[in-house]
């Protein structure tokens, strides 16, 4: 499965990615909510793992944009 992780804490993102990779999943990560929206809109991901407490564009803002785009 190809996943997108949107998480601003580097240690948390690294740990989540390591577990997902160990399970055989591909996981791209970004620390930016806006960049996460851009990546999610590319249609290359089967699921998004989203942190709610992001700087600039928070997780709820990301979620609203993705829902508006039917993602």
N, C-alpha and C. Protein backbone atom coordinates (compact mmCIF):
# COMPACT_ATOMS: atom_id res chain seq x y z
N UNK A 1 0.85 -1.17 0.00
CA UNK A 1 0.00 0.00 0.00
C UNK A 1 0.90 1.23 0.00
N UNK A 2 0.52 2.25 -0.73
CA UNK A 2 1.28 3.50 -0.75
C UNK A 2 0.54 4.53 0.10
N UNK A 3 1.22 5.01 1.12
CA UNK A 3 0.62 5.90 2.10
C UNK A 3 1.32 7.25 2.11
N UNK A 4 0.58 8.25 2.55
CA UNK A 4 1.13 9.59 2.75
C UNK A 4 0.98 9.94 4.23
N UNK A 5 2.09 10.27 4.85
CA UNK A 5 2.11 10.68 6.25
C UNK A 5 2.36 12.18 6.31
N UNK A 6 1.44 12.89 6.94
CA UNK A 6 1.59 14.34 7.14
C UNK A 6 1.77 14.54 8.64
N UNK A 7 3.02 14.76 9.05
CA UNK A 7 3.39 14.83 10.47
C UNK A 7 4.56 15.77 10.61
N UNK A 8 4.44 16.78 11.48
CA UNK A 8 5.50 17.77 11.62
C UNK A 8 6.59 17.38 12.60
N UNK A 9 6.36 16.40 13.45
CA UNK A 9 7.38 15.96 14.41
C UNK A 9 8.26 14.90 13.74
N UNK A 10 9.53 15.22 13.58
CA UNK A 10 10.44 14.34 12.84
C UNK A 10 10.56 12.97 13.49
N UNK A 11 10.69 12.91 14.81
CA UNK A 11 10.85 11.63 15.50
C UNK A 11 9.62 10.75 15.32
N UNK A 12 8.44 11.34 15.44
CA UNK A 12 7.20 10.58 15.26
C UNK A 12 7.08 10.09 13.83
N UNK A 13 7.36 10.97 12.87
CA UNK A 13 7.27 10.59 11.46
C UNK A 13 8.24 9.46 11.14
N UNK A 14 9.45 9.55 11.66
CA UNK A 14 10.45 8.49 11.41
C UNK A 14 10.00 7.16 11.98
N UNK A 15 9.46 7.18 13.19
CA UNK A 15 8.99 5.95 13.83
C UNK A 15 7.83 5.33 13.06
N UNK A 16 6.87 6.15 12.66
CA UNK A 16 5.71 5.64 11.91
C UNK A 16 6.17 5.07 10.57
N UNK A 17 7.05 5.79 9.88
CA UNK A 17 7.56 5.30 8.60
C UNK A 17 8.29 3.98 8.76
N UNK A 18 9.09 3.85 9.81
CA UNK A 18 9.84 2.61 10.03
C UNK A 18 8.90 1.42 10.22
N UNK A 19 7.85 1.61 10.99
CA UNK A 19 6.88 0.53 11.21
C UNK A 19 6.16 0.18 9.91
N UNK A 20 5.74 1.18 9.17
CA UNK A 20 5.03 0.93 7.92
C UNK A 20 5.92 0.23 6.90
N UNK A 21 7.18 0.66 6.82
CA UNK A 21 8.10 0.02 5.89
C UNK A 21 8.34 -1.44 6.29
N UNK A 22 8.44 -1.69 7.60
CA UNK A 22 8.64 -3.06 8.09
C UNK A 22 7.46 -3.95 7.73
N UNK A 23 6.29 -3.36 7.63
CA UNK A 23 5.08 -4.12 7.26
C UNK A 23 4.92 -4.25 5.75
N UNK A 24 5.85 -3.66 4.99
CA UNK A 24 5.83 -3.79 3.55
C UNK A 24 5.11 -2.67 2.82
N UNK A 25 4.73 -1.63 3.54
CA UNK A 25 4.06 -0.49 2.90
C UNK A 25 5.07 0.56 2.46
N UNK A 26 4.72 1.30 1.42
CA UNK A 26 5.51 2.45 1.01
C UNK A 26 4.88 3.67 1.66
N UNK A 27 5.71 4.54 2.21
CA UNK A 27 5.18 5.69 2.92
C UNK A 27 6.03 6.92 2.65
N UNK A 28 5.43 7.92 2.01
CA UNK A 28 6.07 9.21 1.83
C UNK A 28 5.62 10.10 2.99
N UNK A 29 6.48 11.03 3.37
CA UNK A 29 6.14 11.90 4.50
C UNK A 29 6.46 13.35 4.17
N UNK A 30 5.67 14.23 4.76
CA UNK A 30 5.92 15.66 4.68
C UNK A 30 5.58 16.28 6.03
N UNK A 31 6.24 17.37 6.33
CA UNK A 31 5.98 18.08 7.59
C UNK A 31 5.03 19.25 7.39
N UNK A 32 4.66 19.52 6.17
CA UNK A 32 3.85 20.69 5.83
C UNK A 32 2.43 20.28 5.45
N UNK A 33 1.45 20.93 6.05
CA UNK A 33 0.07 20.67 5.70
C UNK A 33 -0.22 21.02 4.26
N UNK A 34 0.28 22.16 3.80
CA UNK A 34 0.03 22.57 2.42
C UNK A 34 0.68 21.60 1.44
N UNK A 35 1.90 21.19 1.72
CA UNK A 35 2.57 20.21 0.85
C UNK A 35 1.83 18.88 0.89
N UNK A 36 1.29 18.53 2.05
CA UNK A 36 0.50 17.31 2.16
C UNK A 36 -0.72 17.34 1.27
N UNK A 37 -1.39 18.50 1.21
CA UNK A 37 -2.54 18.65 0.32
C UNK A 37 -2.10 18.44 -1.13
N UNK A 38 -1.00 19.08 -1.51
CA UNK A 38 -0.50 18.94 -2.88
C UNK A 38 -0.20 17.49 -3.23
N UNK A 39 0.46 16.80 -2.33
CA UNK A 39 0.80 15.39 -2.58
C UNK A 39 -0.45 14.53 -2.63
N UNK A 40 -1.37 14.74 -1.70
CA UNK A 40 -2.60 13.94 -1.67
C UNK A 40 -3.43 14.15 -2.94
N UNK A 41 -3.45 15.36 -3.44
CA UNK A 41 -4.21 15.66 -4.66
C UNK A 41 -3.60 15.01 -5.90
N UNK A 42 -2.36 14.56 -5.80
CA UNK A 42 -1.72 13.90 -6.94
C UNK A 42 -2.38 12.57 -7.27
N UNK A 43 -3.11 12.01 -6.32
CA UNK A 43 -3.79 10.75 -6.54
C UNK A 43 -2.90 9.53 -6.46
N UNK A 44 -1.69 9.69 -5.96
CA UNK A 44 -0.73 8.58 -5.88
C UNK A 44 -0.81 7.78 -4.59
N UNK A 45 -1.74 8.09 -3.72
CA UNK A 45 -1.79 7.46 -2.41
C UNK A 45 -3.12 6.76 -2.16
N UNK A 46 -3.04 5.64 -1.46
CA UNK A 46 -4.24 4.89 -1.12
C UNK A 46 -4.83 5.36 0.21
N UNK A 47 -4.01 5.97 1.05
CA UNK A 47 -4.48 6.47 2.34
C UNK A 47 -3.56 7.57 2.83
N UNK A 48 -4.11 8.44 3.68
CA UNK A 48 -3.35 9.53 4.28
C UNK A 48 -3.41 9.39 5.79
N UNK A 49 -2.25 9.49 6.44
CA UNK A 49 -2.17 9.53 7.90
C UNK A 49 -1.89 10.98 8.24
N UNK A 50 -2.80 11.59 8.97
CA UNK A 50 -2.78 13.04 9.14
C UNK A 50 -2.70 13.46 10.60
N UNK A 51 -1.68 14.25 10.92
CA UNK A 51 -1.56 14.88 12.23
C UNK A 51 -2.48 16.10 12.24
N UNK A 52 -3.17 16.33 13.33
CA UNK A 52 -4.07 17.49 13.40
C UNK A 52 -3.35 18.78 13.78
N UNK A 53 -2.27 18.67 14.54
CA UNK A 53 -1.58 19.86 15.03
C UNK A 53 -0.36 20.17 14.17
N UNK A 54 -0.62 20.74 13.02
CA UNK A 54 0.44 21.12 12.08
C UNK A 54 0.60 22.64 12.06
N UNK A 55 1.82 23.12 11.79
CA UNK A 55 1.98 24.57 11.64
C UNK A 55 1.41 25.03 10.31
N UNK A 56 1.15 26.29 10.19
CA UNK A 56 0.61 26.94 8.99
C UNK A 56 -0.78 26.42 8.66
N UNK A 57 -0.90 25.33 7.94
CA UNK A 57 -2.20 24.75 7.61
C UNK A 57 -2.38 23.52 8.49
N UNK A 58 -3.29 23.60 9.47
CA UNK A 58 -3.45 22.49 10.41
C UNK A 58 -4.18 21.31 9.77
N UNK A 59 -4.23 20.20 10.50
CA UNK A 59 -4.82 18.99 9.97
C UNK A 59 -6.27 19.12 9.56
N UNK A 60 -7.05 19.90 10.28
CA UNK A 60 -8.45 20.10 9.91
C UNK A 60 -8.55 20.86 8.59
N UNK A 61 -7.66 21.82 8.38
CA UNK A 61 -7.62 22.54 7.11
C UNK A 61 -7.25 21.62 5.96
N UNK A 62 -6.29 20.74 6.22
CA UNK A 62 -5.91 19.75 5.21
C UNK A 62 -7.11 18.87 4.88
N UNK A 63 -7.75 18.37 5.92
CA UNK A 63 -8.90 17.49 5.75
C UNK A 63 -10.02 18.17 4.96
N UNK A 64 -10.30 19.41 5.28
CA UNK A 64 -11.34 20.16 4.56
C UNK A 64 -11.02 20.27 3.07
N UNK A 65 -9.75 20.57 2.76
CA UNK A 65 -9.36 20.69 1.36
C UNK A 65 -9.44 19.35 0.61
N UNK A 66 -9.04 18.29 1.29
CA UNK A 66 -9.09 16.97 0.65
C UNK A 66 -10.53 16.52 0.45
N UNK A 67 -11.39 16.77 1.41
CA UNK A 67 -12.81 16.42 1.25
C UNK A 67 -13.46 17.23 0.14
N UNK A 68 -13.10 18.50 0.04
CA UNK A 68 -13.66 19.35 -1.01
C UNK A 68 -13.26 18.84 -2.39
N UNK A 69 -12.10 18.17 -2.46
CA UNK A 69 -11.61 17.62 -3.72
C UNK A 69 -12.01 16.15 -3.89
N UNK A 70 -12.88 15.67 -3.01
CA UNK A 70 -13.33 14.27 -3.03
C UNK A 70 -12.20 13.26 -2.86
N UNK A 71 -11.22 13.62 -2.06
CA UNK A 71 -10.12 12.70 -1.74
C UNK A 71 -10.46 12.01 -0.43
